[in-house]
PDB file of N, CA and C in Angstrom:
ATOM      1  N   MET A   1     123.330 229.471 102.172  1.00  0.00           N
ATOM      2  CA  MET A   1     122.978 228.552 102.882  1.00  0.00           C
ATOM      3  C   MET A   1     121.095 228.912 103.839  1.00  0.00           C
ATOM      4  N   ILE A   2     120.415 227.824 103.102  1.00  0.00           N
ATOM      5  CA  ILE A   2     119.098 228.183 103.735  1.00  0.00           C
ATOM      6  C   ILE A   2     118.945 227.067 104.793  1.00  0.00           C
ATOM      7  N   ILE A   3     118.479 228.438 105.773  1.00  0.00           N
ATOM      8  CA  ILE A   3     118.269 227.456 106.857  1.00  0.00           C
ATOM      9  C   ILE A   3     116.280 227.537 107.698  1.00  0.00           C
ATOM     10  N   LYS A   4     115.951 226.390 107.386  1.00  0.00           N
ATOM     11  CA  LYS A   4     114.547 225.992 107.991  1.00  0.00           C
ATOM     12  C   LYS A   4     114.169 225.634 108.837  1.00  0.00           C
ATOM     13  N   GLU A   5     112.817 225.435 109.955  1.00  0.00           N
ATOM     14  CA  GLU A   5     112.300 224.773 110.519  1.00  0.00           C
ATOM     15  C   GLU A   5     112.060 223.604 109.836  1.00  0.00           C
ATOM     16  N   ILE A   6     112.100 222.766 110.200  1.00  0.00           N
ATOM     17  CA  ILE A   6     111.150 221.587 109.984  1.00  0.00           C
ATOM     18  C   ILE A   6     110.365 220.844 111.160  1.00  0.00           C
ATOM     19  N   ASN A   7     109.350 220.654 110.253  1.00  0.00           N
ATOM     20  CA  ASN A   7     107.679 220.313 111.476  1.00  0.00           C
ATOM     21  C   ASN A   7     106.976 218.741 110.480  1.00  0.00           C
ATOM     22  N   ASN A   8     107.869 217.906 110.403  1.00  0.00           N
ATOM     23  CA  ASN A   8     107.534 216.788 109.862  1.00  0.00           C
ATOM     24  C   ASN A   8     108.515 215.753 110.819  1.00  0.00           C
ATOM     25  N   LYS A   9     107.848 214.560 111.623  1.00  0.00           N
ATOM     26  CA  LYS A   9     108.816 213.944 112.714  1.00  0.00           C
ATOM     27  C   LYS A   9     109.241 213.068 111.307  1.00  0.00           C
ATOM     28  N   GLU A  10     108.675 212.348 110.471  1.00  0.00           N
ATOM     29  CA  GLU A  10     109.213 211.616 109.737  1.00  0.00           C
ATOM     30  C   GLU A  10     110.368 211.288 109.172  1.00  0.00           C
ATOM     31  N   ALA A  11     110.440 212.499 108.513  1.00  0.00           N
ATOM     32  CA  ALA A  11     111.094 213.553 107.995  1.00  0.00           C
ATOM     33  C   ALA A  11     112.948 214.081 108.587  1.00  0.00           C
ATOM     34  N   TRP A  12     112.460 214.131 110.433  1.00  0.00           N
ATOM     35  CA  TRP A  12     113.417 214.423 110.876  1.00  0.00           C
ATOM     36  C   TRP A  12     113.770 212.946 111.617  1.00  0.00           C
ATOM     37  N   GLU A  13     113.447 212.164 111.449  1.00  0.00           N
ATOM     38  CA  GLU A  13     113.800 210.546 112.264  1.00  0.00           C
ATOM     39  C   GLU A  13     114.661 209.943 110.973  1.00  0.00           C
ATOM     40  N   ASN A  14     114.123 210.247 110.149  1.00  0.00           N
ATOM     41  CA  ASN A  14     114.411 209.232 108.721  1.00  0.00           C
ATOM     42  C   ASN A  14     115.535 210.057 108.314  1.00  0.00           C
ATOM     43  N   PHE A  15     116.135 211.520 108.472  1.00  0.00           N
ATOM     44  CA  PHE A  15     117.508 211.615 108.496  1.00  0.00           C
ATOM     45  C   PHE A  15     118.235 211.183 109.204  1.00  0.00           C
ATOM     46  N   LEU A  16     117.934 211.589 110.977  1.00  0.00           N
ATOM     47  CA  LEU A  16     118.830 210.889 112.292  1.00  0.00           C
ATOM     48  C   LEU A  16     119.084 208.977 111.636  1.00  0.00           C
ATOM     49  N   LEU A  17     118.593 208.524 111.286  1.00  0.00           N
ATOM     50  CA  LEU A  17     118.811 207.301 110.665  1.00  0.00           C
ATOM     51  C   LEU A  17     120.203 207.204 109.334  1.00  0.00           C
ATOM     52  N   GLN A  18     119.760 208.236 108.757  1.00  0.00           N
ATOM     53  CA  GLN A  18     121.200 208.163 107.842  1.00  0.00           C
ATOM     54  C   GLN A  18     122.210 208.763 108.882  1.00  0.00           C
ATOM     55  N   CYS A  19     122.321 209.696 110.069  1.00  0.00           N
ATOM     56  CA  CYS A  19     123.582 209.714 110.782  1.00  0.00           C
ATOM     57  C   CYS A  19     124.375 208.631 111.134  1.00  0.00           C
ATOM     58  N   THR A  20     125.676 208.638 111.309  1.00  0.00           N
ATOM     59  CA  THR A  20     126.424 207.507 111.942  1.00  0.00           C
ATOM     60  C   THR A  20     126.403 207.935 113.349  1.00  0.00           C
ATOM     61  N   GLU A  21     126.275 209.543 113.620  1.00  0.00           N
ATOM     62  CA  GLU A  21     127.194 209.786 115.518  1.00  0.00           C
ATOM     63  C   GLU A  21     125.353 210.389 115.971  1.00  0.00           C
ATOM     64  N   LYS A  22     125.058 209.908 116.532  1.00  0.00           N
ATOM     65  CA  LYS A  22     123.126 210.078 116.991  1.00  0.00           C
ATOM     66  C   LYS A  22     123.224 210.037 119.098  1.00  0.00           C
ATOM     67  N   THR A  23     122.645 211.016 119.499  1.00  0.00           N
ATOM     68  CA  THR A  23     122.139 210.755 120.406  1.00  0.00           C
ATOM     69  C   THR A  23     120.436 210.824 120.813  1.00  0.00           C
ATOM     70  N   PHE A  24     119.510 210.222 121.186  1.00  0.00           N
ATOM     71  CA  PHE A  24     118.436 209.838 121.969  1.00  0.00           C
ATOM     72  C   PHE A  24     118.098 211.987 121.895  1.00  0.00           C
ATOM     73  N   LEU A  25     119.283 212.908 122.156  1.00  0.00           N
ATOM     74  CA  LEU A  25     119.268 213.917 122.553  1.00  0.00           C
ATOM     75  C   LEU A  25     118.540 214.459 121.114  1.00  0.00           C
ATOM     76  N   GLN A  26     119.173 214.153 120.305  1.00  0.00           N
ATOM     77  CA  GLN A  26     118.449 214.668 118.462  1.00  0.00           C
ATOM     78  C   GLN A  26     117.018 214.156 117.686  1.00  0.00           C
ATOM     79  N   SER A  27     116.481 212.990 119.215  1.00  0.00           N
ATOM     80  CA  SER A  27     115.316 212.547 118.716  1.00  0.00           C
ATOM     81  C   SER A  27     114.367 213.637 118.889  1.00  0.00           C
ATOM     82  N   TRP A  28     113.065 213.566 117.421  1.00  0.00           N
ATOM     83  CA  TRP A  28     111.739 214.292 117.961  1.00  0.00           C
ATOM     84  C   TRP A  28     111.330 214.232 119.325  1.00  0.00           C
ATOM     85  N   ASN A  29     111.240 212.502 119.726  1.00  0.00           N
ATOM     86  CA  ASN A  29     110.277 212.460 121.452  1.00  0.00           C
ATOM     87  C   ASN A  29     110.982 212.890 122.170  1.00  0.00           C
ATOM     88  N   TRP A  30     112.332 213.480 122.083  1.00  0.00           N
ATOM     89  CA  TRP A  30     113.048 213.968 123.400  1.00  0.00           C
ATOM     90  C   TRP A  30     112.815 215.784 123.424  1.00  0.00           C
ATOM     91  N   GLY A  31     112.615 216.547 122.233  1.00  0.00           N
ATOM     92  CA  GLY A  31     111.923 217.212 121.310  1.00  0.00           C
ATOM     93  C   GLY A  31     110.910 218.286 122.231  1.00  0.00           C
ATOM     94  N   ASP A  32     110.018 217.046 121.934  1.00  0.00           N
ATOM     95  CA  ASP A  32     108.230 217.267 122.842  1.00  0.00           C
ATOM     96  C   ASP A  32     108.347 217.566 123.866  1.00  0.00           C
ATOM     97  N   PHE A  33     109.268 216.324 124.737  1.00  0.00           N
ATOM     98  CA  PHE A  33     109.635 216.164 126.064  1.00  0.00           C
ATOM     99  C   PHE A  33     109.663 217.693 126.772  1.00  0.00           C
ATOM    100  N   ASN A  34     110.664 218.106 126.127  1.00  0.00           N
ATOM    101  CA  ASN A  34     111.483 219.224 125.779  1.00  0.00           C
ATOM    102  C   ASN A  34     110.371 219.864 126.393  1.00  0.00           C
ATOM    103  N   GLU A  35     109.696 220.146 125.463  1.00  0.00           N
ATOM    104  CA  GLU A  35     108.508 221.772 125.084  1.00  0.00           C
ATOM    105  C   GLU A  35     107.249 221.012 126.565  1.00  0.00           C
ATOM    106  N   VAL A  36     107.010 219.935 127.203  1.00  0.00           N
ATOM    107  CA  VAL A  36     106.139 219.050 127.825  1.00  0.00           C
ATOM    108  C   VAL A  36     106.557 219.947 129.540  1.00  0.00           C
ATOM    109  N   MET A  37     108.024 220.137 129.478  1.00  0.00           N
ATOM    110  CA  MET A  37     108.643 220.686 130.140  1.00  0.00           C
ATOM    111  C   MET A  37     108.216 222.281 130.304  1.00  0.00           C
ATOM    112  N   GLY A  38     108.090 222.680 129.796  1.00  0.00           N
ATOM    113  CA  GLY A  38     108.035 224.580 129.323  1.00  0.00           C
ATOM    114  C   GLY A  38     109.642 224.849 128.745  1.00  0.00           C
ATOM    115  N   GLU A  39     109.912 223.952 127.859  1.00  0.00           N
ATOM    116  CA  GLU A  39     111.247 224.749 127.362  1.00  0.00           C
ATOM    117  C   GLU A  39     110.763 224.967 125.703  1.00  0.00           C
ATOM    118  N   LYS A  40     111.266 226.083 125.104  1.00  0.00           N
ATOM    119  CA  LYS A  40     110.697 226.273 123.687  1.00  0.00           C
ATOM    120  C   LYS A  40     112.125 225.631 123.068  1.00  0.00           C
ATOM    121  N   ILE A  41     111.590 224.850 122.215  1.00  0.00           N
ATOM    122  CA  ILE A  41     112.450 223.897 121.217  1.00  0.00           C
ATOM    123  C   ILE A  41     111.952 224.499 119.312  1.00  0.00           C
ATOM    124  N   TRP A  42     113.458 224.269 118.816  1.00  0.00           N
ATOM    125  CA  TRP A  42     113.891 224.437 117.889  1.00  0.00           C
ATOM    126  C   TRP A  42     114.214 223.144 116.928  1.00  0.00           C
ATOM    127  N   ARG A  43     113.536 222.783 115.553  1.00  0.00           N
ATOM    128  CA  ARG A  43     113.618 221.815 114.995  1.00  0.00           C
ATOM    129  C   ARG A  43     114.104 222.314 113.686  1.00  0.00           C
ATOM    130  N   LEU A  44     115.622 222.497 113.201  1.00  0.00           N
ATOM    131  CA  LEU A  44     116.004 223.213 111.978  1.00  0.00           C
ATOM    132  C   LEU A  44     116.728 222.318 111.460  1.00  0.00           C
ATOM    133  N   GLY A  45     116.183 222.352 110.288  1.00  0.00           N
ATOM    134  CA  GLY A  45     117.743 222.281 109.276  1.00  0.00           C
ATOM    135  C   GLY A  45     118.111 223.021 108.190  1.00  0.00           C
ATOM    136  N   ALA A  46     119.487 222.856 107.763  1.00  0.00           N
ATOM    137  CA  ALA A  46     120.391 223.586 106.768  1.00  0.00           C
ATOM    138  C   ALA A  46     120.614 222.969 106.209  1.00  0.00           C
TER     139      ALA A  46
END
């Protein structure tokens, strides 16, 4: 298995569109919000 960081917002959001079960907590913008609040975030794909 290969795990890598995802740095492309469009690729991230397009992947989520294909998922039947998802929440706003998985969105790119939620990650951006958490970064502004001082949290470290990781966007990883496997």
